[in-house]
Protein backbone atom coordinates (compact mmCIF):
# COMPACT_ATOMS: atom_id res chain seq x y z
CA LEU A 1 87.46 92.04 88.45
CA GLU A 2 84.85 89.45 87.49
CA THR A 3 87.46 87.21 85.86
CA LEU A 4 89.76 87.51 88.87
CA ARG A 5 86.87 86.85 91.24
CA ALA A 6 85.79 83.77 89.30
CA GLY A 7 89.33 82.37 89.41
CA GLY A 8 89.48 82.59 93.19
CA VAL A 9 93.27 82.83 93.18
CA GLN A 10 95.43 84.91 95.51
CA ILE A 11 96.54 88.08 93.68
CA ASP A 12 100.01 89.19 94.77
CA ALA A 13 99.59 92.82 93.68
CA LEU A 14 96.78 94.81 92.11
CA VAL A 15 97.11 98.32 90.62
CA GLY A 16 94.07 100.56 90.24
CA SER A 17 93.41 104.20 89.45
CA GLY A 18 92.36 106.69 92.07
CA GLY A 19 90.94 108.94 89.35
CA ASP A 20 88.96 106.45 87.28
CA GLU A 21 86.05 104.72 89.00
CA GLY A 22 86.17 101.96 86.39
CA GLU A 23 89.73 101.12 87.47
CA ARG A 24 89.30 101.57 91.21
CA TYR A 25 89.56 98.62 93.58
CA HIS A 26 87.16 98.51 96.50
CA PRO A 27 88.25 96.50 99.56
CA GLY A 28 86.39 93.22 99.75
CA ALA A 29 85.79 93.02 95.99
CA LEU A 30 88.10 89.98 95.77
CA GLU A 31 88.45 86.96 98.03
CA PRO A 32 91.10 86.23 98.98
CA GLN A 33 92.26 89.85 99.25
CA PRO A 34 95.27 90.89 97.11
CA GLY A 35 98.56 90.93 99.01
CA LEU A 36 99.29 94.50 97.85
CA VAL A 37 96.76 97.02 96.52
CA VAL A 38 98.15 100.13 94.85
CA THR A 39 95.96 103.12 93.98
CA THR A 40 97.61 105.59 91.62
CA ALA A 41 97.03 109.35 91.63
CA GLY A 42 99.36 110.61 88.89
CA SER A 43 101.54 113.53 89.94
CA LEU A 44 100.22 113.21 93.50
CA GLY A 45 101.76 109.75 93.91
CA GLY A 46 99.32 107.29 95.37
CA TRP A 47 98.51 104.87 98.16
CA ALA A 48 99.57 101.31 98.86
CA GLN A 49 97.80 98.94 101.21
CA PRO A 50 99.69 97.85 103.18
CA GLY A 51 102.27 100.60 103.18
CA GLY A 52 100.48 103.92 102.97
CA PRO A 53 101.20 106.87 100.69
CA TYR A 54 104.03 106.91 98.17
CA ALA A 55 105.46 109.88 96.27
CA ALA A 56 105.37 110.48 92.56
CA ALA A 57 108.77 110.65 90.88
CA PRO A 58 109.76 113.81 89.03
CA PRO A 59 109.98 113.42 85.26
CA PRO A 60 113.63 113.06 84.17
CA GLY A 61 113.11 115.62 81.40
CA PRO A 62 110.53 117.82 79.71
CA ILE A 63 107.01 116.40 79.61
CA GLU A 64 105.99 115.32 76.11
CA ASP A 65 103.07 112.91 76.42
CA ALA A 66 101.14 111.14 79.19
CA TYR A 67 100.20 108.13 77.04
CA GLY A 68 101.22 104.87 78.70
CA CYS A 69 102.33 106.31 82.05
CA GLY A 70 100.01 104.09 84.09
CA ASP A 71 100.95 101.03 82.06
CA CYS A 72 104.65 101.80 82.57
CA PHE A 73 104.02 102.22 86.31
CA ALA A 74 102.27 98.83 86.49
CA ALA A 75 104.97 97.14 84.41
CA GLY A 76 107.70 98.66 86.58
CA LEU A 77 105.96 97.50 89.74
CA THR A 78 105.58 93.99 88.34
CA TYR A 79 109.26 93.87 87.35
CA ALA A 80 110.45 95.24 90.70
CA LEU A 81 108.32 92.88 92.79
CA ALA A 82 109.39 89.90 90.65
CA SER A 83 113.00 90.99 91.26
CA ALA A 84 112.33 90.63 95.01
CA LEU A 85 112.47 94.34 95.83
CA ALA A 86 110.63 95.37 98.98
CA PRO A 87 107.22 96.92 98.22
CA ALA A 88 108.38 100.47 99.09
CA ASP A 89 111.40 100.14 96.77
CA ALA A 90 109.21 98.56 94.07
CA LEU A 91 106.80 101.50 94.28
CA SER A 92 109.68 103.96 93.96
CA PHE A 93 110.96 102.15 90.86
CA ALA A 94 107.43 101.99 89.40
CA ALA A 95 106.98 105.73 89.97
CA ARG A 96 110.23 106.39 88.09
CA CYS A 97 108.97 104.22 85.21
CA GLY A 98 105.70 106.13 85.03
CA ALA A 99 107.52 109.48 85.18
CA ALA A 100 109.95 108.44 82.45
CA ALA A 101 107.01 107.68 80.16
CA LEU A 102 106.07 111.36 80.37
CA THR A 103 109.26 112.41 78.60
CA GLY A 104 108.66 110.76 75.22
CA ARG A 105 105.93 110.46 72.62
CA GLY A 106 104.05 107.18 72.79
CA ALA A 107 104.49 104.19 75.03
CA PHE A 108 108.03 103.14 74.05
CA ALA A 109 110.06 106.36 73.92
CA ALA A 110 111.65 106.18 77.40
CA ALA A 111 113.29 103.52 79.55
CA VAL A 112 114.46 103.24 83.16
CA ALA A 113 117.51 101.27 84.21
CA PRO A 114 116.87 98.88 87.12
């Protein structure tokens, strides 16, 4: 966050982990505040501010590996928001991306169609 804080730019969306203190965003840590703050909680879904809780997506197949799930979630959210989806729809797409990553070995084994 230090680099973001030093830049002083408006962050459109910020994704952090609810389970990893090193990746958790605390309100007020950045000025100006991010437009959307998403806290992930794995299979429990997560929380968006503004917006409230969102549901995790079920994996589209047998679970193989959790490597890259959070990165796929963040990439899916970035893609969906850049495609002008509403935040709730973008979170749903991102959750599907994270869940799809569970079904293959490594970070590149699964893909989600927009």
